[in-house]
Amino acid sequence: MREIVRERVHAIPALEWERLRRVSRELGHQVDSSHPPTALGRDLVASREPESAGVHLSAADEVRIDRELAPYVPSLQERLYEQHTFAW
């Protein structure tokens, strides 16, 4: 599933990402009241130099996590499909 989502995200044109950023900024979208507006978070991340990730999983841990999340994958795939199919 991750590969499918990754492919779809990479297929979105840069102009569409920019449009979504502008809409988010104009609407002041927030995850919830405990988070700053999403656009501000993106601006903060964009203003910093990239760093290497600090999380490293063993193959066994990845399998365990995939197994734990497996029951939720079908409903999440359906939701993602509906959101991305009908949002365009």
Protein backbone atom coordinates (compact mmCIF):
# COMPACT_ATOMS: atom_id res chain seq x y z
CA MET A 1 0.00 0.00 0.00
CA ARG A 2 2.81 2.41 0.83
CA GLU A 3 4.15 2.08 -2.68
CA ILE A 4 0.76 2.89 -4.19
CA VAL A 5 0.34 5.98 -2.01
CA ARG A 6 3.92 7.06 -2.73
CA GLU A 7 3.35 6.72 -6.49
CA ARG A 8 0.13 8.73 -6.33
CA VAL A 9 1.71 11.48 -4.23
CA HIS A 10 4.69 11.73 -6.60
CA ALA A 11 2.30 11.90 -9.56
CA ILE A 12 0.67 15.10 -8.27
CA PRO A 13 2.00 18.04 -10.30
CA ALA A 14 3.97 20.78 -8.52
CA LEU A 15 1.37 23.38 -9.49
CA GLU A 16 -1.33 21.34 -7.75
CA TRP A 17 0.78 21.13 -4.57
CA GLU A 18 1.22 24.90 -4.69
CA ARG A 19 -2.53 25.40 -5.17
CA LEU A 20 -3.24 23.14 -2.18
CA ARG A 21 -0.74 25.11 -0.06
CA ARG A 22 -2.44 28.39 -0.99
CA VAL A 23 -5.89 26.99 -0.18
CA SER A 24 -4.64 25.64 3.15
CA ARG A 25 -3.09 29.01 4.03
CA GLU A 26 -6.24 30.93 3.06
CA LEU A 27 -8.51 28.61 5.04
CA GLY A 28 -6.16 28.47 8.04
CA HIS A 29 -6.51 24.68 8.19
CA GLN A 30 -5.43 23.05 11.46
CA VAL A 31 -5.31 19.38 12.44
CA ASP A 32 -7.01 20.37 15.69
CA SER A 33 -6.89 23.20 18.22
CA SER A 34 -3.67 21.88 19.79
CA HIS A 35 -1.75 22.29 16.50
CA PRO A 36 -0.69 25.47 14.70
CA PRO A 37 -2.14 26.08 11.23
CA THR A 38 -0.81 23.50 8.78
CA ALA A 39 0.69 26.15 6.47
CA LEU A 40 2.84 27.49 9.32
CA GLY A 41 4.15 24.00 10.06
CA ARG A 42 5.01 23.50 6.40
CA ASP A 43 6.77 26.86 6.31
CA LEU A 44 8.83 25.90 9.37
CA VAL A 45 9.87 22.57 7.85
CA ALA A 46 10.73 24.23 4.53
CA SER A 47 12.90 26.82 6.29
CA ARG A 48 15.24 24.21 7.77
CA GLU A 49 18.00 22.16 6.23
CA PRO A 50 17.13 18.49 5.69
CA GLU A 51 18.42 16.04 8.29
CA SER A 52 18.79 12.30 8.26
CA ALA A 53 15.96 10.35 9.82
CA GLY A 54 16.60 9.04 13.32
CA VAL A 55 14.27 6.05 13.25
CA HIS A 56 15.68 2.73 12.09
CA LEU A 57 13.58 -0.42 12.04
CA SER A 58 14.81 -3.94 11.84
CA ALA A 59 13.14 -6.18 9.27
CA ALA A 60 11.44 -8.04 12.13
CA ASP A 61 10.04 -4.81 13.58
CA GLU A 62 8.72 -3.76 10.19
CA VAL A 63 6.98 -7.12 9.74
CA ARG A 64 5.48 -6.85 13.24
CA ILE A 65 4.18 -3.33 12.58
CA ASP A 66 2.77 -4.32 9.18
CA ARG A 67 1.02 -7.30 10.80
CA GLU A 68 -0.41 -5.06 13.54
CA LEU A 69 -1.76 -2.54 11.02
CA ALA A 70 -2.98 -5.12 8.47
CA PRO A 71 -6.59 -5.24 9.78
CA TYR A 72 -6.93 -1.49 9.12
CA VAL A 73 -5.43 -1.44 5.61
CA PRO A 74 -8.61 -2.25 3.60
CA SER A 75 -10.67 0.53 5.17
CA LEU A 76 -7.81 3.02 4.88
CA GLN A 77 -7.25 2.11 1.24
CA GLU A 78 -10.95 2.64 0.56
CA ARG A 79 -10.94 6.03 2.30
CA LEU A 80 -7.80 7.16 0.46
CA TYR A 81 -9.23 6.01 -2.85
CA GLU A 82 -12.50 7.89 -2.26
CA GLN A 83 -10.75 11.06 -1.11
CA HIS A 84 -8.31 11.15 -4.01
CA THR A 85 -10.73 9.97 -6.67
CA PHE A 86 -13.54 12.36 -5.90
CA ALA A 87 -11.43 15.30 -4.71
CA TRP A 88 -10.13 16.08 -8.21
